PDB file of N, CA and C in Angstrom:
ATOM      1  N   MET A   1      17.579  18.876  14.157  1.00  0.00           N
ATOM      2  CA  MET A   1      17.352  18.004  12.383  1.00  0.00           C
ATOM      3  C   MET A   1      15.357  18.114  12.087  1.00  0.00           C
ATOM      4  N   LYS A   2      14.845  18.630  11.621  1.00  0.00           N
ATOM      5  CA  LYS A   2      13.465  18.442  10.965  1.00  0.00           C
ATOM      6  C   LYS A   2      12.574  17.250  11.301  1.00  0.00           C
ATOM      7  N   ALA A   3      11.594  16.836  11.920  1.00  0.00           N
ATOM      8  CA  ALA A   3      11.422  15.390  12.278  1.00  0.00           C
ATOM      9  C   ALA A   3       9.912  15.234  11.121  1.00  0.00           C
ATOM     10  N   GLN A   4      10.233  14.087  10.289  1.00  0.00           N
ATOM     11  CA  GLN A   4       9.800  13.789   9.181  1.00  0.00           C
ATOM     12  C   GLN A   4       7.824  13.592   9.470  1.00  0.00           C
ATOM     13  N   THR A   5       7.568  13.736   8.996  1.00  0.00           N
ATOM     14  CA  THR A   5       5.538  13.755   8.724  1.00  0.00           C
ATOM     15  C   THR A   5       5.821  12.188   7.570  1.00  0.00           C
ATOM     16  N   VAL A   6       4.328  12.257   8.014  1.00  0.00           N
ATOM     17  CA  VAL A   6       3.891  11.382   6.598  1.00  0.00           C
ATOM     18  C   VAL A   6       4.155  12.367   5.243  1.00  0.00           C
ATOM     19  N   ALA A   7       3.651  12.626   5.568  1.00  0.00           N
ATOM     20  CA  ALA A   7       3.662  13.849   3.743  1.00  0.00           C
ATOM     21  C   ALA A   7       4.896  13.656   3.618  1.00  0.00           C
ATOM     22  N   ASP A   8       6.244  13.838   4.475  1.00  0.00           N
ATOM     23  CA  ASP A   8       7.517  13.513   4.084  1.00  0.00           C
ATOM     24  C   ASP A   8       7.861  12.154   3.171  1.00  0.00           C
ATOM     25  N   ILE A   9       7.207  11.485   4.438  1.00  0.00           N
ATOM     26  CA  ILE A   9       7.264  10.392   3.802  1.00  0.00           C
ATOM     27  C   ILE A   9       6.836  10.147   2.987  1.00  0.00           C
ATOM     28  N   ALA A  10       6.173   9.842   2.885  1.00  0.00           N
ATOM     29  CA  ALA A  10       4.802   9.785   1.127  1.00  0.00           C
ATOM     30  C   ALA A  10       5.623  10.310  -0.223  1.00  0.00           C
ATOM     31  N   ARG A  11       6.990  10.408  -0.058  1.00  0.00           N
ATOM     32  CA  ARG A  11       7.417  10.201  -1.201  1.00  0.00           C
ATOM     33  C   ARG A  11       9.149   9.354  -1.069  1.00  0.00           C
ATOM     34  N   THR A  12       8.443   8.660  -0.797  1.00  0.00           N
ATOM     35  CA  THR A  12       8.980   7.376  -0.161  1.00  0.00           C
ATOM     36  C   THR A  12       7.820   6.360  -0.296  1.00  0.00           C
ATOM     37  N   ASP A  13       9.275   4.930  -0.539  1.00  0.00           N
ATOM     38  CA  ASP A  13       8.645   3.936   0.058  1.00  0.00           C
ATOM     39  C   ASP A  13       8.445   3.306   1.068  1.00  0.00           C
ATOM     40  N   ALA A  14       7.477   3.122   1.343  1.00  0.00           N
ATOM     41  CA  ALA A  14       6.663   3.341   2.701  1.00  0.00           C
ATOM     42  C   ALA A  14       7.678   1.360   3.400  1.00  0.00           C
ATOM     43  N   LEU A  15       7.709   0.232   2.165  1.00  0.00           N
ATOM     44  CA  LEU A  15       8.167  -0.702   3.135  1.00  0.00           C
ATOM     45  C   LEU A  15       9.076  -0.679   3.266  1.00  0.00           C
ATOM     46  N   SER A  16      10.029   0.406   2.751  1.00  0.00           N
ATOM     47  CA  SER A  16      11.543   0.067   3.034  1.00  0.00           C
ATOM     48  C   SER A  16      12.060   1.499   4.222  1.00  0.00           C
ATOM     49  N   HIS A  17      10.500   2.220   4.496  1.00  0.00           N
ATOM     50  CA  HIS A  17      11.129   3.463   4.722  1.00  0.00           C
ATOM     51  C   HIS A  17      11.368   3.008   6.593  1.00  0.00           C
ATOM     52  N   PRO A  18      12.118   3.414   6.962  1.00  0.00           N
ATOM     53  CA  PRO A  18      12.368   2.888   8.650  1.00  0.00           C
ATOM     54  C   PRO A  18      11.272   3.394   9.679  1.00  0.00           C
ATOM     55  N   ARG A  19      10.886   4.006   9.221  1.00  0.00           N
ATOM     56  CA  ARG A  19       9.505   4.913  10.346  1.00  0.00           C
ATOM     57  C   ARG A  19       8.426   4.398  10.633  1.00  0.00           C
ATOM     58  N   PHE A  20       8.441   3.351   8.790  1.00  0.00           N
ATOM     59  CA  PHE A  20       6.778   2.538   8.912  1.00  0.00           C
ATOM     60  C   PHE A  20       7.622   1.066   9.177  1.00  0.00           C
ATOM     61  N   ASP A  21       7.843   1.293  10.766  1.00  0.00           N
ATOM     62  CA  ASP A  21       8.607  -0.583  11.101  1.00  0.00           C
ATOM     63  C   ASP A  21       6.917  -1.364  11.166  1.00  0.00           C
ATOM     64  N   GLY A  22       6.565  -2.359  10.142  1.00  0.00           N
ATOM     65  CA  GLY A  22       5.442  -2.862  10.372  1.00  0.00           C
ATOM     66  C   GLY A  22       6.238  -4.428   9.932  1.00  0.00           C
ATOM     67  N   PRO A  23       4.414  -5.328   9.682  1.00  0.00           N
ATOM     68  CA  PRO A  23       5.103  -6.390   9.944  1.00  0.00           C
ATOM     69  C   PRO A  23       5.910  -6.962   8.080  1.00  0.00           C
ATOM     70  N   CYS A  24       5.777  -5.993   7.308  1.00  0.00           N
ATOM     71  CA  CYS A  24       5.440  -6.494   6.323  1.00  0.00           C
ATOM     72  C   CYS A  24       7.324  -6.604   5.513  1.00  0.00           C
ATOM     73  N   ARG A  25       7.772  -5.745   6.663  1.00  0.00           N
ATOM     74  CA  ARG A  25       9.312  -5.628   6.569  1.00  0.00           C
ATOM     75  C   ARG A  25      10.123  -7.757   7.248  1.00  0.00           C
ATOM     76  N   THR A  26       9.445  -7.943   7.442  1.00  0.00           N
ATOM     77  CA  THR A  26       9.823  -9.282   7.187  1.00  0.00           C
ATOM     78  C   THR A  26       9.046 -10.605   6.534  1.00  0.00           C
ATOM     79  N   VAL A  27       8.079  -9.960   5.623  1.00  0.00           N
ATOM     80  CA  VAL A  27       8.096 -10.851   4.351  1.00  0.00           C
ATOM     81  C   VAL A  27       8.148 -10.445   3.318  1.00  0.00           C
ATOM     82  N   ALA A  28       8.194 -11.175   2.790  1.00  0.00           N
ATOM     83  CA  ALA A  28       9.023 -10.791   1.362  1.00  0.00           C
ATOM     84  C   ALA A  28       7.854 -10.640  -0.319  1.00  0.00           C
ATOM     85  N   ARG A  29       8.911  -9.660  -0.400  1.00  0.00           N
ATOM     86  CA  ARG A  29       8.457  -7.830  -0.740  1.00  0.00           C
ATOM     87  C   ARG A  29       7.604  -9.257  -1.915  1.00  0.00           C
ATOM     88  N   ASP A  30       7.011 -10.408  -2.110  1.00  0.00           N
ATOM     89  CA  ASP A  30       6.413 -10.468  -3.707  1.00  0.00           C
ATOM     90  C   ASP A  30       5.582 -10.745  -2.821  1.00  0.00           C
ATOM     91  N   VAL A  31       5.157 -10.440  -1.724  1.00  0.00           N
ATOM     92  CA  VAL A  31       3.456 -11.353  -1.201  1.00  0.00           C
ATOM     93  C   VAL A  31       3.476  -9.593  -1.377  1.00  0.00           C
ATOM     94  N   PHE A  32       3.036  -8.848  -2.536  1.00  0.00           N
ATOM     95  CA  PHE A  32       2.948  -7.584  -2.267  1.00  0.00           C
ATOM     96  C   PHE A  32       2.608  -7.153  -3.072  1.00  0.00           C
ATOM     97  N   ALA A  33       3.220  -7.415  -4.443  1.00  0.00           N
ATOM     98  CA  ALA A  33       3.649  -6.964  -5.080  1.00  0.00           C
ATOM     99  C   ALA A  33       2.849  -8.432  -6.406  1.00  0.00           C
ATOM    100  N   PRO A  34       2.583  -7.889  -7.765  1.00  0.00           N
ATOM    101  CA  PRO A  34       2.192  -8.606  -8.636  1.00  0.00           C
ATOM    102  C   PRO A  34       3.302  -9.814  -8.953  1.00  0.00           C
ATOM    103  N   GLY A  35       2.620 -10.906  -9.345  1.00  0.00           N
ATOM    104  CA  GLY A  35       4.366 -11.732  -9.981  1.00  0.00           C
ATOM    105  C   GLY A  35       3.841 -11.669 -11.371  1.00  0.00           C
ATOM    106  N   THR A  36       4.778 -11.880 -12.435  1.00  0.00           N
ATOM    107  CA  THR A  36       4.836 -11.924 -13.140  1.00  0.00           C
ATOM    108  C   THR A  36       4.116 -13.309 -15.053  1.00  0.00           C
ATOM    109  N   HIS A  37       2.533 -12.585 -15.178  1.00  0.00           N
ATOM    110  CA  HIS A  37       2.332 -14.204 -15.999  1.00  0.00           C
ATOM    111  C   HIS A  37       1.327 -14.790 -14.869  1.00  0.00           C
ATOM    112  N   GLU A  38       0.871 -14.248 -13.438  1.00  0.00           N
ATOM    113  CA  GLU A  38      -0.069 -14.499 -12.943  1.00  0.00           C
ATOM    114  C   GLU A  38      -1.553 -14.812 -12.559  1.00  0.00           C
ATOM    115  N   SER A  39      -1.553 -15.671 -12.487  1.00  0.00           N
ATOM    116  CA  SER A  39      -3.117 -16.355 -12.493  1.00  0.00           C
ATOM    117  C   SER A  39      -4.332 -15.441 -11.615  1.00  0.00           C
ATOM    118  N   ALA A  40      -5.523 -15.484 -11.755  1.00  0.00           N
ATOM    119  CA  ALA A  40      -6.102 -14.351 -11.087  1.00  0.00           C
ATOM    120  C   ALA A  40      -6.645 -15.530  -9.890  1.00  0.00           C
ATOM    121  N   ALA A  41      -6.798 -16.561 -10.145  1.00  0.00           N
ATOM    122  CA  ALA A  41      -6.505 -17.253  -9.108  1.00  0.00           C
ATOM    123  C   ALA A  41      -5.613 -17.019  -8.003  1.00  0.00           C
ATOM    124  N   THR A  42      -3.861 -16.829  -8.084  1.00  0.00           N
ATOM    125  CA  THR A  42      -3.025 -16.604  -7.576  1.00  0.00           C
ATOM    126  C   THR A  42      -2.334 -15.761  -7.516  1.00  0.00           C
ATOM    127  N   ALA A  43      -3.913 -14.602  -7.979  1.00  0.00           N
ATOM    128  CA  ALA A  43      -3.203 -13.356  -7.055  1.00  0.00           C
ATOM    129  C   ALA A  43      -3.840 -13.110  -6.048  1.00  0.00           C
ATOM    130  N   ARG A  44      -5.253 -13.549  -5.672  1.00  0.00           N
ATOM    131  CA  ARG A  44      -6.384 -13.863  -5.029  1.00  0.00           C
ATOM    132  C   ARG A  44      -5.578 -14.052  -3.496  1.00  0.00           C
ATOM    133  N   GLU A  45      -4.540 -15.575  -4.187  1.00  0.00           N
ATOM    134  CA  GLU A  45      -4.451 -15.557  -3.177  1.00  0.00           C
ATOM    135  C   GLU A  45      -3.310 -14.739  -2.105  1.00  0.00           C
ATOM    136  N   ARG A  46      -2.463 -14.494  -3.174  1.00  0.00           N
ATOM    137  CA  ARG A  46      -1.211 -13.547  -2.370  1.00  0.00           C
ATOM    138  C   ARG A  46      -1.759 -12.595  -2.121  1.00  0.00           C
ATOM    139  N   GLU A  47      -2.702 -11.865  -2.431  1.00  0.00           N
ATOM    140  CA  GLU A  47      -2.910 -10.405  -2.063  1.00  0.00           C
ATOM    141  C   GLU A  47      -3.784 -11.172  -0.667  1.00  0.00           C
ATOM    142  N   GLU A  48      -4.424 -11.678  -0.606  1.00  0.00           N
ATOM    143  CA  GLU A  48      -4.989 -11.997   0.916  1.00  0.00           C
ATOM    144  C   GLU A  48      -4.135 -12.118   1.953  1.00  0.00           C
ATOM    145  N   ALA A  49      -2.956 -12.922   1.240  1.00  0.00           N
ATOM    146  CA  ALA A  49      -2.003 -13.107   2.822  1.00  0.00           C
ATOM    147  C   ALA A  49      -0.968 -11.608   3.038  1.00  0.00           C
ATOM    148  N   ALA A  50      -1.319 -10.565   2.035  1.00  0.00           N
ATOM    149  CA  ALA A  50      -0.486  -9.482   1.753  1.00  0.00           C
ATOM    150  C   ALA A  50      -1.132  -8.536   2.697  1.00  0.00           C
ATOM    151  N   LYS A  51      -2.955  -8.713   2.950  1.00  0.00           N
ATOM    152  CA  LYS A  51      -3.122  -7.889   2.908  1.00  0.00           C
ATOM    153  C   LYS A  51      -3.933  -8.864   4.949  1.00  0.00           C
ATOM    154  N   ALA A  52      -3.218 -10.332   4.983  1.00  0.00           N
ATOM    155  CA  ALA A  52      -3.454 -10.581   6.894  1.00  0.00           C
ATOM    156  C   ALA A  52      -2.694 -10.229   7.239  1.00  0.00           C
ATOM    157  N   VAL A  53      -0.879 -10.282   6.693  1.00  0.00           N
ATOM    158  CA  VAL A  53       0.327  -9.516   7.414  1.00  0.00           C
ATOM    159  C   VAL A  53      -0.160  -7.895   7.826  1.00  0.00           C
ATOM    160  N   CYS A  54      -0.920  -6.708   6.464  1.00  0.00           N
ATOM    161  CA  CYS A  54      -1.226  -5.043   6.691  1.00  0.00           C
ATOM    162  C   CYS A  54      -2.500  -5.028   7.852  1.00  0.00           C
ATOM    163  N   GLY A  55      -2.951  -6.526   8.534  1.00  0.00           N
ATOM    164  CA  GLY A  55      -4.169  -6.873   9.084  1.00  0.00           C
ATOM    165  C   GLY A  55      -4.360  -5.893  10.211  1.00  0.00           C
ATOM    166  N   GLY A  56      -3.238  -6.450  11.197  1.00  0.00           N
ATOM    167  CA  GLY A  56      -2.532  -6.281  12.751  1.00  0.00           C
ATOM    168  C   GLY A  56      -1.676  -5.200  12.049  1.00  0.00           C
ATOM    169  N   CYS A  57      -1.146  -4.661  12.014  1.00  0.00           N
ATOM    170  CA  CYS A  57       0.436  -3.566  11.230  1.00  0.00           C
ATOM    171  C   CYS A  57      -0.282  -2.507  12.036  1.00  0.00           C
ATOM    172  N   GLN A  58       0.795  -1.828  13.452  1.00  0.00           N
ATOM    173  CA  GLN A  58       0.009  -0.207  13.365  1.00  0.00           C
ATOM    174  C   GLN A  58       0.759   0.801  12.987  1.00  0.00           C
ATOM    175  N   VAL A  59       1.157   0.589  11.694  1.00  0.00           N
ATOM    176  CA  VAL A  59       1.374   1.400  10.707  1.00  0.00           C
ATOM    177  C   VAL A  59       0.245   1.654   9.323  1.00  0.00           C
ATOM    178  N   ARG A  60      -0.116   0.553   9.387  1.00  0.00           N
ATOM    179  CA  ARG A  60      -1.176   0.059   8.157  1.00  0.00           C
ATOM    180  C   ARG A  60      -2.046   1.834   7.074  1.00  0.00           C
ATOM    181  N   LEU A  61      -2.160   2.681   8.766  1.00  0.00           N
ATOM    182  CA  LEU A  61      -3.419   3.964   7.985  1.00  0.00           C
ATOM    183  C   LEU A  61      -2.125   4.517   7.174  1.00  0.00           C
ATOM    184  N   PRO A  62      -0.465   5.123   7.960  1.00  0.00           N
ATOM    185  CA  PRO A  62       0.184   5.986   7.531  1.00  0.00           C
ATOM    186  C   PRO A  62       0.781   5.413   5.572  1.00  0.00           C
ATOM    187  N   CYS A  63       0.595   4.352   5.779  1.00  0.00           N
ATOM    188  CA  CYS A  63       1.126   3.149   4.493  1.00  0.00           C
ATOM    189  C   CYS A  63      -0.094   3.619   3.745  1.00  0.00           C
ATOM    190  N   ARG A  64      -0.969   3.416   4.091  1.00  0.00           N
ATOM    191  CA  ARG A  64      -2.148   3.303   3.215  1.00  0.00           C
ATOM    192  C   ARG A  64      -1.758   4.646   2.641  1.00  0.00           C
ATOM    193  N   ARG A  65      -1.736   6.128   3.479  1.00  0.00           N
ATOM    194  CA  ARG A  65      -2.150   7.024   2.766  1.00  0.00           C
ATOM    195  C   ARG A  65      -0.984   7.892   1.789  1.00  0.00           C
ATOM    196  N   GLN A  66       0.177   6.759   2.287  1.00  0.00           N
ATOM    197  CA  GLN A  66       1.593   6.781   1.539  1.00  0.00           C
ATOM    198  C   GLN A  66       1.163   6.602   0.157  1.00  0.00           C
ATOM    199  N   ALA A  67       0.434   5.426   0.138  1.00  0.00           N
ATOM    200  CA  ALA A  67       0.037   4.866  -1.686  1.00  0.00           C
ATOM    201  C   ALA A  67      -0.928   5.277  -1.861  1.00  0.00           C
ATOM    202  N   LEU A  68      -2.013   6.331  -1.194  1.00  0.00           N
ATOM    203  CA  LEU A  68      -3.585   6.905  -2.157  1.00  0.00           C
ATOM    204  C   LEU A  68      -2.608   8.458  -2.261  1.00  0.00           C
ATOM    205  N   ALA A  69      -1.774   8.505  -1.471  1.00  0.00           N
ATOM    206  CA  ALA A  69      -0.866  10.121  -1.788  1.00  0.00           C
ATOM    207  C   ALA A  69       0.290   9.925  -3.699  1.00  0.00           C
ATOM    208  N   GLU A  70       0.841   8.903  -3.511  1.00  0.00           N
ATOM    209  CA  GLU A  70       2.113   8.590  -4.181  1.00  0.00           C
ATOM    210  C   GLU A  70       1.101   8.111  -5.748  1.00  0.00           C
ATOM    211  N   ARG A  71      -0.160   8.022  -5.425  1.00  0.00           N
ATOM    212  CA  ARG A  71      -1.034   6.729  -6.664  1.00  0.00           C
ATOM    213  C   ARG A  71       0.063   6.251  -7.189  1.00  0.00           C
ATOM    214  N   VAL A  72       0.142   5.151  -5.817  1.00  0.00           N
ATOM    215  CA  VAL A  72       1.101   3.871  -6.335  1.00  0.00           C
ATOM    216  C   VAL A  72      -0.038   2.829  -7.145  1.00  0.00           C
ATOM    217  N   LEU A  73       0.541   2.321  -8.395  1.00  0.00           N
ATOM    218  CA  LEU A  73      -0.055   1.448  -9.038  1.00  0.00           C
ATOM    219  C   LEU A  73       0.065   0.111  -8.438  1.00  0.00           C
ATOM    220  N   ASP A  74       0.874  -0.321  -8.070  1.00  0.00           N
ATOM    221  CA  ASP A  74       0.668  -2.101  -8.222  1.00  0.00           C
ATOM    222  C   ASP A  74       1.254  -2.659  -6.724  1.00  0.00           C
ATOM    223  N   GLY A  75       1.079  -3.860  -6.704  1.00  0.00           N
ATOM    224  CA  GLY A  75       0.683  -3.950  -5.218  1.00  0.00           C
ATOM    225  C   GLY A  75       0.208  -4.123  -3.686  1.00  0.00           C
ATOM    226  N   VAL A  76      -0.701  -4.358  -3.120  1.00  0.00           N
ATOM    227  CA  VAL A  76      -0.906  -4.119  -1.762  1.00  0.00           C
ATOM    228  C   VAL A  76      -0.386  -3.485  -0.805  1.00  0.00           C
ATOM    229  N   ARG A  77      -1.433  -1.959  -0.481  1.00  0.00           N
ATOM    230  CA  ARG A  77      -0.370  -1.238   0.181  1.00  0.00           C
ATOM    231  C   ARG A  77      -1.232  -0.684   1.420  1.00  0.00           C
ATOM    232  N   GLY A  78      -1.073  -0.742   2.644  1.00  0.00           N
ATOM    233  CA  GLY A  78      -1.935   0.016   3.841  1.00  0.00           C
ATOM    234  C   GLY A  78      -2.921  -1.001   3.556  1.00  0.00           C
ATOM    235  N   GLY A  79      -2.960  -2.458   2.922  1.00  0.00           N
ATOM    236  CA  GLY A  79      -4.292  -3.544   3.090  1.00  0.00           C
ATOM    237  C   GLY A  79      -5.011  -3.432   2.390  1.00  0.00           C
ATOM    238  N   LEU A  80      -4.586  -2.685   1.519  1.00  0.00           N
ATOM    239  CA  LEU A  80      -5.515  -2.325   0.085  1.00  0.00           C
ATOM    240  C   LEU A  80      -4.706  -2.583  -1.235  1.00  0.00           C
ATOM    241  N   THR A  81      -5.212  -2.884  -2.039  1.00  0.00           N
ATOM    242  CA  THR A  81      -5.143  -3.716  -4.126  1.00  0.00           C
ATOM    243  C   THR A  81      -5.343  -2.077  -4.703  1.00  0.00           C
ATOM    244  N   PRO A  82      -4.947  -2.613  -5.499  1.00  0.00           N
ATOM    245  CA  PRO A  82      -4.378  -1.221  -6.086  1.00  0.00           C
ATOM    246  C   PRO A  82      -5.527  -0.845  -6.273  1.00  0.00           C
ATOM    247  N   GLU A  83      -6.779  -1.794  -7.107  1.00  0.00           N
ATOM    248  CA  GLU A  83      -8.206  -1.807  -7.063  1.00  0.00           C
ATOM    249  C   GLU A  83      -9.539  -0.987  -6.641  1.00  0.00           C
ATOM    250  N   GLU A  84      -8.364  -1.197  -4.821  1.00  0.00           N
ATOM    251  CA  GLU A  84      -9.894  -1.039  -4.288  1.00  0.00           C
ATOM    252  C   GLU A  84      -9.199   0.420  -3.158  1.00  0.00           C
ATOM    253  N   ARG A  85      -7.664   0.830  -3.844  1.00  0.00           N
ATOM    254  CA  ARG A  85      -7.067   2.564  -3.498  1.00  0.00           C
ATOM    255  C   ARG A  85      -7.544   2.787  -5.284  1.00  0.00           C
ATOM    256  N   HIS A  86      -7.689   2.537  -6.165  1.00  0.00           N
ATOM    257  CA  HIS A  86      -8.447   3.323  -7.775  1.00  0.00           C
ATOM    258  C   HIS A  86      -9.931   3.968  -6.685  1.00  0.00           C
ATOM    259  N   VAL A  87     -10.700   2.814  -6.224  1.00  0.00           N
ATOM    260  CA  VAL A  87     -12.058   2.920  -5.851  1.00  0.00           C
ATOM    261  C   VAL A  87     -12.442   4.136  -4.856  1.00  0.00           C
ATOM    262  N   LEU A  88     -11.290   4.224  -3.776  1.00  0.00           N
ATOM    263  CA  LEU A  88     -11.197   5.194  -2.678  1.00  0.00           C
ATOM    264  C   LEU A  88     -10.988   6.501  -3.303  1.00  0.00           C
ATOM    265  N   LEU A  89      -9.924   6.811  -4.457  1.00  0.00           N
ATOM    266  CA  LEU A  89     -10.165   7.870  -4.690  1.00  0.00           C
ATOM    267  C   LEU A  89     -10.611   8.037  -5.650  1.00  0.00           C
ATOM    268  N   ALA A  90     -11.514   7.885  -6.201  1.00  0.00           N
ATOM    269  CA  ALA A  90     -12.444   7.748  -7.250  1.00  0.00           C
ATOM    270  C   ALA A  90     -13.491   8.563  -6.422  1.00  0.00           C
ATOM    271  N   ARG A  91     -13.945   8.204  -5.716  1.00  0.00           N
ATOM    272  CA  ARG A  91     -15.479   8.704  -4.470  1.00  0.00           C
ATOM    273  C   ARG A  91     -14.088   9.834  -3.789  1.00  0.00           C
ATOM    274  N   THR A  92     -13.442  10.158  -3.779  1.00  0.00           N
ATOM    275  CA  THR A  92     -12.662  11.356  -3.538  1.00  0.00           C
ATOM    276  C   THR A  92     -12.416  12.764  -4.316  1.00  0.00           C
ATOM    277  N   ARG A  93     -12.398  11.565  -5.252  1.00  0.00           N
ATOM    278  CA  ARG A  93     -12.165  12.787  -6.027  1.00  0.00           C
ATOM    279  C   ARG A  93     -13.283  14.326  -5.892  1.00  0.00           C
ATOM    280  N   PRO A  94     -13.174  15.587  -6.473  1.00  0.00           N
ATOM    281  CA  PRO A  94     -13.292  16.885  -6.494  1.00  0.00           C
ATOM    282  C   PRO A  94     -14.360  16.968  -7.105  1.00  0.00           C
ATOM    283  N   VAL A  95     -16.092  17.303  -7.076  1.00  0.00           N
ATOM    284  CA  VAL A  95     -16.609  17.626  -8.005  1.00  0.00           C
ATOM    285  C   VAL A  95     -16.394  18.581  -8.536  1.00  0.00           C
ATOM    286  N   GLY A  96     -16.105  18.293  -9.997  1.00  0.00           N
ATOM    287  CA  GLY A  96     -15.633  19.060 -11.383  1.00  0.00           C
ATOM    288  C   GLY A  96     -14.444  18.202 -11.601  1.00  0.00           C
ATOM    289  N   ALA A  97     -13.774  17.677 -10.806  1.00  0.00           N
ATOM    290  CA  ALA A  97     -12.172  17.326 -11.510  1.00  0.00           C
ATOM    291  C   ALA A  97     -12.345  16.403 -12.259  1.00  0.00           C
ATOM    292  N   PHE A  98     -11.151  16.002 -13.056  1.00  0.00           N
ATOM    293  CA  PHE A  98     -11.634  15.041 -14.273  1.00  0.00           C
ATOM    294  C   PHE A  98      -9.598  14.327 -13.868  1.00  0.00           C
TER     295      PHE A  98
END
């Protein structure tokens, strides 16, 4: 059986994939995703809590790569908010690409 690469795993959700056995797997998933009718202050607190979980994670970078590759639109992944991922993607867009 062929070993899976990060590119293969990018087709799945990193938070539930066994290769990404990080601390996020022991924390409530709602820490990583926005709540319904969440205030801006609550969102910032939740995002900071999620980033703290990601901070020392050994699979933070593969998780981040997966979120960027799949254009995950919600929640903290790999220590980045959707807005931070959007900025990163905008900076790396090839010249002339729209």
